[in-house]
C-alpha atoms as a PDB file:
ATOM      1  CA  MET A   1      52.054 207.769 170.484  1.00  0.00           C
ATOM      2  CA  LEU A   2      53.797 206.348 173.529  1.00  0.00           C
ATOM      3  CA  SER A   3      51.726 203.956 175.715  1.00  0.00           C
ATOM      4  CA  ARG A   4      51.343 204.900 179.407  1.00  0.00           C
ATOM      5  CA  SER A   5      53.734 202.165 180.413  1.00  0.00           C
ATOM      6  CA  ARG A   6      56.422 203.611 178.143  1.00  0.00           C
ATOM      7  CA  MET A   7      55.989 207.261 179.064  1.00  0.00           C
ATOM      8  CA  PRO A   8      59.268 208.722 180.435  1.00  0.00           C
ATOM      9  CA  MET A   9      59.597 209.344 184.141  1.00  0.00           C
ATOM     10  CA  LEU A  10      59.368 212.971 185.216  1.00  0.00           C
ATOM     11  CA  SER A  11      61.571 214.565 187.877  1.00  0.00           C
ATOM     12  CA  ASP A  12      59.982 216.667 190.607  1.00  0.00           C
ATOM     13  CA  SER A  13      61.231 219.855 188.864  1.00  0.00           C
ATOM     14  CA  HIS A  14      59.626 218.713 185.637  1.00  0.00           C
ATOM     15  CA  ARG A  15      56.347 217.957 187.440  1.00  0.00           C
ATOM     16  CA  ALA A  16      56.376 221.391 188.947  1.00  0.00           C
ATOM     17  CA  ALA A  17      57.069 223.032 185.586  1.00  0.00           C
ATOM     18  CA  ARG A  18      54.137 221.139 184.069  1.00  0.00           C
ATOM     19  CA  ARG A  19      51.764 222.326 186.854  1.00  0.00           C
ATOM     20  CA  ALA A  20      52.937 225.906 186.658  1.00  0.00           C
ATOM     21  CA  PRO A  21      50.728 228.207 184.495  1.00  0.00           C
ATOM     22  CA  VAL A  22      52.296 228.937 181.156  1.00  0.00           C
ATOM     23  CA  SER A  23      51.809 232.219 179.436  1.00  0.00           C
ATOM     24  CA  GLU A  24      52.593 231.994 175.788  1.00  0.00           C
ATOM     25  CA  PRO A  25      52.547 234.963 173.399  1.00  0.00           C
ATOM     26  CA  THR A  26      49.763 235.130 170.946  1.00  0.00           C
ATOM     27  CA  PRO A  27      51.268 234.505 167.426  1.00  0.00           C
ATOM     28  CA  ALA A  28      50.976 237.367 164.967  1.00  0.00           C
ATOM     29  CA  PRO A  29      48.432 236.752 162.235  1.00  0.00           C
ATOM     30  CA  ALA A  30      49.787 235.320 159.091  1.00  0.00           C
ATOM     31  CA  PHE A  31      48.393 238.065 156.887  1.00  0.00           C
ATOM     32  CA  ILE A  32      47.018 241.578 157.106  1.00  0.00           C
ATOM     33  CA  ARG A  33      44.969 243.765 154.824  1.00  0.00           C
ATOM     34  CA  ASN A  34      46.811 246.736 153.377  1.00  0.00           C
ATOM     35  CA  GLY A  35      44.471 248.830 151.230  1.00  0.00           C
ATOM     36  CA  ASP A  36      43.338 246.527 148.359  1.00  0.00           C
ATOM     37  CA  GLY A  37      46.290 244.211 148.865  1.00  0.00           C
ATOM     38  CA  VAL A  38      47.184 241.370 151.201  1.00  0.00           C
ATOM     39  CA  HIS A  39      50.424 241.379 153.070  1.00  0.00           C
ATOM     40  CA  VAL A  40      51.906 238.392 154.844  1.00  0.00           C
ATOM     41  CA  ARG A  41      54.141 238.192 157.946  1.00  0.00           C
ATOM     42  CA  VAL A  42      57.283 236.081 157.707  1.00  0.00           C
ATOM     43  CA  GLY A  43      58.751 236.315 161.078  1.00  0.00           C
ATOM     44  CA  ALA A  44      59.427 240.058 161.644  1.00  0.00           C
ATOM     45  CA  THR A  45      59.267 240.875 157.894  1.00  0.00           C
ATOM     46  CA  GLU A  46      56.167 242.038 156.054  1.00  0.00           C
ATOM     47  CA  ALA A  47      55.789 241.100 152.328  1.00  0.00           C
ATOM     48  CA  GLU A  48      53.241 241.866 149.696  1.00  0.00           C
ATOM     49  CA  THR A  49      51.426 239.063 147.832  1.00  0.00           C
ATOM     50  CA  HIS A  50      50.430 239.459 144.158  1.00  0.00           C
ATOM     51  CA  ALA A  51      47.642 237.675 142.385  1.00  0.00           C
ATOM     52  CA  GLU A  52      50.063 236.497 139.695  1.00  0.00           C
ATOM     53  CA  GLY A  53      51.664 234.296 142.427  1.00  0.00           C
ATOM     54  CA  ALA A  54      54.682 236.530 143.278  1.00  0.00           C
ATOM     55  CA  LEU A  55      55.918 238.044 146.550  1.00  0.00           C
ATOM     56  CA  PHE A  56      57.379 241.515 146.819  1.00  0.00           C
ATOM     57  CA  ILE A  57      59.546 242.252 149.877  1.00  0.00           C
ATOM     58  CA  ALA A  58      59.781 246.103 149.909  1.00  0.00           C
ATOM     59  CA  ALA A  59      62.405 246.279 152.691  1.00  0.00           C
ATOM     60  CA  HIS A  60      64.851 244.521 150.291  1.00  0.00           C
ATOM     61  CA  GLY A  61      63.402 245.617 146.884  1.00  0.00           C
ATOM     62  CA  ALA A  62      63.007 241.889 146.151  1.00  0.00           C
ATOM     63  CA  LEU A  63      60.597 240.149 143.796  1.00  0.00           C
ATOM     64  CA  VAL A  64      60.262 236.427 144.540  1.00  0.00           C
ATOM     65  CA  VAL A  65      58.778 233.834 142.308  1.00  0.00           C
ATOM     66  CA  SER A  66      58.916 230.030 142.570  1.00  0.00           C
ATOM     67  CA  ASP A  67      58.578 226.972 140.445  1.00  0.00           C
ATOM     68  CA  LEU A  68      58.329 228.591 136.970  1.00  0.00           C
ATOM     69  CA  HIS A  69      58.771 225.123 135.347  1.00  0.00           C
ATOM     70  CA  LEU A  70      59.732 226.720 132.041  1.00  0.00           C
ATOM     71  CA  GLU A  71      59.565 224.291 129.121  1.00  0.00           C
ATOM     72  CA  LYS A  72      57.301 221.915 130.871  1.00  0.00           C
ATOM     73  CA  GLY A  73      55.259 221.636 127.641  1.00  0.00           C
ATOM     74  CA  SER A  74      58.265 220.657 125.531  1.00  0.00           C
ATOM     75  CA  SER A  75      59.260 218.180 128.218  1.00  0.00           C
ATOM     76  CA  PHE A  76      55.849 216.487 127.978  1.00  0.00           C
ATOM     77  CA  ALA A  77      56.160 216.459 124.214  1.00  0.00           C
ATOM     78  CA  LEU A  78      59.403 214.481 124.405  1.00  0.00           C
ATOM     79  CA  ARG A  79      57.425 211.758 126.175  1.00  0.00           C
ATOM     80  CA  GLY A  80      54.655 211.821 123.645  1.00  0.00           C
ATOM     81  CA  GLN A  81      52.191 213.772 125.747  1.00  0.00           C
ATOM     82  CA  LEU A  82      51.308 216.720 123.428  1.00  0.00           C
ATOM     83  CA  ILE A  83      50.006 219.864 125.119  1.00  0.00           C
ATOM     84  CA  PRO A  84      50.078 223.453 123.831  1.00  0.00           C
ATOM     85  CA  PRO A  85      53.762 224.463 123.891  1.00  0.00           C
ATOM     86  CA  TYR A  86      53.100 228.058 124.975  1.00  0.00           C
ATOM     87  CA  ASP A  87      53.636 227.746 128.745  1.00  0.00           C
ATOM     88  CA  THR A  88      57.116 229.362 128.650  1.00  0.00           C
ATOM     89  CA  ARG A  89      55.909 232.382 126.841  1.00  0.00           C
ATOM     90  CA  ALA A  90      52.886 232.842 128.977  1.00  0.00           C
ATOM     91  CA  THR A  91      54.925 232.543 132.161  1.00  0.00           C
ATOM     92  CA  LEU A  92      57.597 235.011 130.958  1.00  0.00           C
ATOM     93  CA  LYS A  93      54.904 237.524 129.909  1.00  0.00           C
ATOM     94  CA  ARG A  94      53.381 237.545 133.452  1.00  0.00           C
ATOM     95  CA  LEU A  95      56.831 237.859 134.950  1.00  0.00           C
ATOM     96  CA  ALA A  96      57.772 240.704 132.646  1.00  0.00           C
ATOM     97  CA  ALA A  97      54.616 242.612 133.587  1.00  0.00           C
ATOM     98  CA  LEU A  98      55.471 242.229 137.343  1.00  0.00           C
ATOM     99  CA  ILE A  99      59.036 243.430 136.825  1.00  0.00           C
ATOM    100  CA  GLU A 100      57.867 246.453 134.775  1.00  0.00           C
ATOM    101  CA  ARG A 101      55.324 247.329 137.440  1.00  0.00           C
ATOM    102  CA  LEU A 102      57.374 246.819 140.613  1.00  0.00           C
ATOM    103  CA  LYS A 103      60.876 247.579 139.351  1.00  0.00           C
ATOM    104  CA  PRO A 104      62.647 245.276 141.806  1.00  0.00           C
ATOM    105  CA  ASP A 105      66.352 245.651 142.757  1.00  0.00           C
ATOM    106  CA  ILE A 106      66.653 241.809 142.980  1.00  0.00           C
ATOM    107  CA  VAL A 107      64.598 238.993 141.439  1.00  0.00           C
ATOM    108  CA  VAL A 108      64.767 235.581 143.107  1.00  0.00           C
ATOM    109  CA  SER A 109      63.565 232.529 141.345  1.00  0.00           C
ATOM    110  CA  LEU A 110      63.081 229.894 144.042  1.00  0.00           C
ATOM    111  CA  GLY A 111      64.165 226.773 142.209  1.00  0.00           C
ATOM    112  CA  ASP A 112      62.589 224.539 139.523  1.00  0.00           C
ATOM    113  CA  SER A 113      62.761 227.409 137.235  1.00  0.00           C
ATOM    114  CA  PHE A 114      62.958 224.947 134.431  1.00  0.00           C
ATOM    115  CA  HIS A 115      61.110 221.713 134.389  1.00  0.00           C
ATOM    116  CA  ASP A 116      64.223 219.706 133.601  1.00  0.00           C
ATOM    117  CA  ILE A 117      67.910 220.185 133.084  1.00  0.00           C
ATOM    118  CA  GLY A 118      67.410 220.212 129.271  1.00  0.00           C
ATOM    119  CA  GLY A 119      64.827 222.986 129.362  1.00  0.00           C
ATOM    120  CA  PRO A 120      67.120 225.877 128.540  1.00  0.00           C
ATOM    121  CA  ALA A 121      68.341 224.233 125.307  1.00  0.00           C
ATOM    122  CA  ARG A 122      64.727 223.654 124.190  1.00  0.00           C
ATOM    123  CA  MET A 123      63.709 227.263 124.548  1.00  0.00           C
ATOM    124  CA  ALA A 124      62.519 228.996 121.397  1.00  0.00           C
ATOM    125  CA  PRO A 125      65.078 231.748 120.413  1.00  0.00           C
ATOM    126  CA  MET A 126      62.416 234.473 121.022  1.00  0.00           C
ATOM    127  CA  ASP A 127      61.757 233.110 124.601  1.00  0.00           C
ATOM    128  CA  ARG A 128      65.490 232.778 125.387  1.00  0.00           C
ATOM    129  CA  LYS A 129      65.963 236.320 124.272  1.00  0.00           C
ATOM    130  CA  GLU A 130      63.146 237.574 126.421  1.00  0.00           C
ATOM    131  CA  LEU A 131      64.411 235.719 129.476  1.00  0.00           C
ATOM    132  CA  LYS A 132      67.917 237.127 129.136  1.00  0.00           C
ATOM    133  CA  ARG A 133      66.356 240.617 128.774  1.00  0.00           C
ATOM    134  CA  LEU A 134      64.366 240.092 132.107  1.00  0.00           C
ATOM    135  CA  VAL A 135      67.478 238.762 133.829  1.00  0.00           C
ATOM    136  CA  GLY A 136      69.441 241.894 132.859  1.00  0.00           C
ATOM    137  CA  LYS A 137      66.878 244.185 134.453  1.00  0.00           C
ATOM    138  CA  ALA A 138      67.859 243.359 138.166  1.00  0.00           C
ATOM    139  CA  ASP A 139      70.239 241.406 140.322  1.00  0.00           C
ATOM    140  CA  TRP A 140      68.904 237.984 139.356  1.00  0.00           C
ATOM    141  CA  VAL A 141      69.363 234.963 141.685  1.00  0.00           C
ATOM    142  CA  TRP A 142      68.528 231.396 140.538  1.00  0.00           C
ATOM    143  CA  ILE A 143      68.003 229.156 143.571  1.00  0.00           C
ATOM    144  CA  GLU A 144      68.860 225.586 142.740  1.00  0.00           C
ATOM    145  CA  GLY A 145      65.817 223.209 142.555  1.00  0.00           C
ATOM    146  CA  ASN A 146      65.441 219.512 142.323  1.00  0.00           C
ATOM    147  CA  HIS A 147      64.330 219.802 138.698  1.00  0.00           C
ATOM    148  CA  ASP A 148      67.120 222.097 137.638  1.00  0.00           C
ATOM    149  CA  PRO A 149      70.244 221.780 139.737  1.00  0.00           C
ATOM    150  CA  GLU A 150      72.234 223.830 137.159  1.00  0.00           C
ATOM    151  CA  ILE A 151      71.280 227.000 135.236  1.00  0.00           C
ATOM    152  CA  PRO A 152      73.410 227.771 132.157  1.00  0.00           C
ATOM    153  CA  GLY A 153      75.577 230.804 132.695  1.00  0.00           C
ATOM    154  CA  ALA A 154      74.685 232.106 129.303  1.00  0.00           C
ATOM    155  CA  LEU A 155      71.315 233.160 130.673  1.00  0.00           C
ATOM    156  CA  GLY A 156      72.839 235.520 133.186  1.00  0.00           C
ATOM    157  CA  GLY A 157      72.250 235.870 136.848  1.00  0.00           C
ATOM    158  CA  ARG A 158      73.886 233.940 139.665  1.00  0.00           C
ATOM    159  CA  THR A 159      73.044 230.516 141.073  1.00  0.00           C
ATOM    160  CA  MET A 160      72.842 229.815 144.832  1.00  0.00           C
ATOM    161  CA  ARG A 161      71.607 227.029 147.046  1.00  0.00           C
ATOM    162  CA  GLU A 162      69.858 229.582 149.279  1.00  0.00           C
ATOM    163  CA  LEU A 163      69.830 233.353 149.843  1.00  0.00           C
ATOM    164  CA  ARG A 164      69.750 235.359 153.050  1.00  0.00           C
ATOM    165  CA  LEU A 165      67.937 238.730 153.026  1.00  0.00           C
ATOM    166  CA  GLY A 166      68.101 240.177 156.475  1.00  0.00           C
ATOM    167  CA  GLU A 167      66.365 237.701 158.774  1.00  0.00           C
ATOM    168  CA  LEU A 168      64.844 235.818 155.757  1.00  0.00           C
ATOM    169  CA  THR A 169      66.208 232.671 154.216  1.00  0.00           C
ATOM    170  CA  LEU A 170      65.044 231.860 150.689  1.00  0.00           C
ATOM    171  CA  ARG A 171      65.457 228.282 149.482  1.00  0.00           C
ATOM    172  CA  HIS A 172      63.654 225.783 147.268  1.00  0.00           C
ATOM    173  CA  GLU A 173      62.618 222.974 149.601  1.00  0.00           C
ATOM    174  CA  PRO A 174      61.177 223.954 152.994  1.00  0.00           C
ATOM    175  CA  ARG A 175      62.911 222.532 156.001  1.00  0.00           C
ATOM    176  CA  GLU A 176      61.083 220.278 158.466  1.00  0.00           C
ATOM    177  CA  GLY A 177      60.653 221.735 161.969  1.00  0.00           C
ATOM    178  CA  ALA A 178      60.949 225.270 163.038  1.00  0.00           C
ATOM    179  CA  ALA A 179      62.419 227.651 160.396  1.00  0.00           C
ATOM    180  CA  ARG A 180      61.546 231.242 161.300  1.00  0.00           C
ATOM    181  CA  GLY A 181      61.922 233.560 158.360  1.00  0.00           C
ATOM    182  CA  GLU A 182      61.926 230.866 155.720  1.00  0.00           C
ATOM    183  CA  ILE A 183      60.416 231.502 152.268  1.00  0.00           C
ATOM    184  CA  ALA A 184      60.380 228.386 150.128  1.00  0.00           C
ATOM    185  CA  GLY A 185      58.671 226.733 147.230  1.00  0.00           C
ATOM    186  CA  HIS A 186      58.685 223.095 145.859  1.00  0.00           C
ATOM    187  CA  LEU A 187      55.293 222.008 147.239  1.00  0.00           C
ATOM    188  CA  HIS A 188      53.049 224.072 144.869  1.00  0.00           C
ATOM    189  CA  PRO A 189      50.429 224.840 147.623  1.00  0.00           C
ATOM    190  CA  CYS A 190      46.733 225.049 146.740  1.00  0.00           C
ATOM    191  CA  ALA A 191      43.753 225.494 149.046  1.00  0.00           C
ATOM    192  CA  ARG A 192      40.177 224.521 148.962  1.00  0.00           C
ATOM    193  CA  VAL A 193      37.373 226.393 150.642  1.00  0.00           C
ATOM    194  CA  SER A 194      33.602 225.805 150.773  1.00  0.00           C
ATOM    195  CA  SER A 195      30.859 228.361 150.860  1.00  0.00           C
ATOM    196  CA  ARG A 196      27.122 228.142 150.160  1.00  0.00           C
ATOM    197  CA  GLY A 197      27.314 224.684 149.041  1.00  0.00           C
ATOM    198  CA  ARG A 198      30.141 225.213 146.581  1.00  0.00           C
ATOM    199  CA  SER A 199      33.857 224.530 146.937  1.00  0.00           C
ATOM    200  CA  VAL A 200      36.659 226.418 145.254  1.00  0.00           C
ATOM    201  CA  ARG A 201      40.265 225.249 144.853  1.00  0.00           C
ATOM    202  CA  ALA A 202      43.040 227.628 143.817  1.00  0.00           C
ATOM    203  CA  ARG A 203      46.732 228.082 144.107  1.00  0.00           C
ATOM    204  CA  CYS A 204      47.738 229.954 147.244  1.00  0.00           C
ATOM    205  CA  PHE A 205      50.489 231.352 149.499  1.00  0.00           C
ATOM    206  CA  ALA A 206      50.601 229.145 152.602  1.00  0.00           C
ATOM    207  CA  ALA A 207      51.845 230.908 155.768  1.00  0.00           C
ATOM    208  CA  ASP A 208      51.618 230.788 159.587  1.00  0.00           C
ATOM    209  CA  GLY A 209      53.278 234.119 160.445  1.00  0.00           C
ATOM    210  CA  GLU A 210      56.708 232.498 160.899  1.00  0.00           C
ATOM    211  CA  ARG A 211      57.368 231.094 157.457  1.00  0.00           C
ATOM    212  CA  LEU A 212      55.806 230.966 154.020  1.00  0.00           C
ATOM    213  CA  VAL A 213      55.531 228.492 151.110  1.00  0.00           C
ATOM    214  CA  MET A 214      55.143 230.088 147.644  1.00  0.00           C
ATOM    215  CA  PRO A 215      52.582 229.017 145.023  1.00  0.00           C
ATOM    216  CA  ALA A 216      53.964 227.730 141.715  1.00  0.00           C
ATOM    217  CA  PHE A 217      54.326 230.565 139.200  1.00  0.00           C
ATOM    218  CA  GLY A 218      54.513 228.315 136.032  1.00  0.00           C
ATOM    219  CA  ALA A 219      51.557 228.190 133.750  1.00  0.00           C
ATOM    220  CA  TYR A 220      51.404 224.394 133.742  1.00  0.00           C
ATOM    221  CA  ALA A 221      52.447 223.698 137.370  1.00  0.00           C
ATOM    222  CA  GLY A 222      49.985 221.644 139.437  1.00  0.00           C
ATOM    223  CA  GLY A 223      49.226 221.994 143.123  1.00  0.00           C
ATOM    224  CA  LEU A 224      49.075 220.173 146.478  1.00  0.00           C
ATOM    225  CA  ASN A 225      46.374 220.893 149.062  1.00  0.00           C
ATOM    226  CA  VAL A 226      47.718 222.598 152.168  1.00  0.00           C
ATOM    227  CA  ARG A 227      45.843 220.120 154.246  1.00  0.00           C
ATOM    228  CA  ASP A 228      47.936 217.337 152.769  1.00  0.00           C
ATOM    229  CA  VAL A 229      50.175 215.494 155.233  1.00  0.00           C
ATOM    230  CA  ALA A 230      53.286 216.777 153.356  1.00  0.00           C
ATOM    231  CA  PHE A 231      52.688 220.268 154.926  1.00  0.00           C
ATOM    232  CA  ALA A 232      52.400 218.910 158.554  1.00  0.00           C
ATOM    233  CA  PRO A 233      56.179 219.016 159.329  1.00  0.00           C
ATOM    234  CA  ILE A 234      56.213 222.606 158.075  1.00  0.00           C
ATOM    235  CA  PHE A 235      53.041 224.002 159.565  1.00  0.00           C
ATOM    236  CA  PRO A 236      52.407 221.656 162.599  1.00  0.00           C
ATOM    237  CA  ALA A 237      49.684 224.023 163.849  1.00  0.00           C
ATOM    238  CA  GLY A 238      48.255 224.469 160.375  1.00  0.00           C
ATOM    239  CA  ALA A 239      48.585 227.245 157.847  1.00  0.00           C
ATOM    240  CA  ALA A 240      46.514 230.105 156.642  1.00  0.00           C
ATOM    241  CA  ALA A 241      46.213 230.681 152.897  1.00  0.00           C
ATOM    242  CA  VAL A 242      45.997 233.638 150.536  1.00  0.00           C
ATOM    243  CA  LEU A 243      44.174 232.252 147.524  1.00  0.00           C
ATOM    244  CA  MET A 244      44.850 233.538 144.054  1.00  0.00           C
ATOM    245  CA  GLY A 245      41.814 234.563 142.048  1.00  0.00           C
ATOM    246  CA  ARG A 246      41.446 236.378 138.740  1.00  0.00           C
ATOM    247  CA  GLY A 247      43.395 239.504 139.610  1.00  0.00           C
ATOM    248  CA  LYS A 248      42.387 239.299 143.260  1.00  0.00           C
ATOM    249  CA  LEU A 249      43.614 237.687 146.464  1.00  0.00           C
ATOM    250  CA  TYR A 250      41.540 236.101 149.144  1.00  0.00           C
ATOM    251  CA  PRO A 251      43.061 235.501 152.581  1.00  0.00           C
ATOM    252  CA  VAL A 252      41.452 232.591 154.320  1.00  0.00           C
ATOM    253  CA  ALA A 253      42.050 231.393 157.960  1.00  0.00           C
ATOM    254  CA  GLY A 254      43.328 227.866 158.371  1.00  0.00           C
ATOM    255  CA  ALA A 255      40.117 226.746 160.138  1.00  0.00           C
ATOM    256  CA  ARG A 256      38.170 227.327 156.889  1.00  0.00           C
ATOM    257  CA  LEU A 257      40.485 225.250 154.622  1.00  0.00           C
ATOM    258  CA  ILE A 258      39.259 221.810 153.738  1.00  0.00           C
ATOM    259  CA  ALA A 259      41.043 218.735 152.350  1.00  0.00           C
ATOM    260  CA  ASP A 260      40.453 217.523 148.766  1.00  0.00           C
ATOM    261  CA  ALA A 261      37.676 214.845 148.561  1.00  0.00           C
END
């Protein structure tokens, strides 16, 4: 913060502007109820959240997922950390069910689709076959991530740094500062709420009505609390959250979100 002695001098016109009453529009709520579902606003576009951690943008027939981190289990195994190697299969199964139910025209995977650049080569033949089948069901876009800057062409689909859908911009890493219409991933948002002496922490969609950060879709992906300082440049006034429960979604206002202990 600037000390008083270092504050910039204001001209008479600037002083008058500061004294004048300012009427600012009330921002639109980040989410709205729609039947049993929860829809989010991203600028002027409305999108439907799904408890599996996916977003459906009906205006564009687009299904958006982020941070699949396929083959994370096998990546850990290479470093001697043995965990059940079924994360890829579980993630693809949830994705297949969404595609079957929603029948999107386009599927966008917002980066870090694989946990590392060697992930595609480590896939079990059955999983590779299933992924190629899913890619063939829609116009499939792989957004480049920091974990997987290259996606093998043999898997199908097309690779892009970012994608424009109307007023929306879909990319992996959210930009600092204002970015109306941005949908991004990378940060794996989670939220914690407290009620009746208990606290619950879950993956979530983080949004402020102008932009949105997607939850990680991958079975083994971790999460970062939306109250963490990493989110401050993206949501300077704070973010609301749509928490993912077991088959249900729970919209929570930003004022109710708490930091991790």
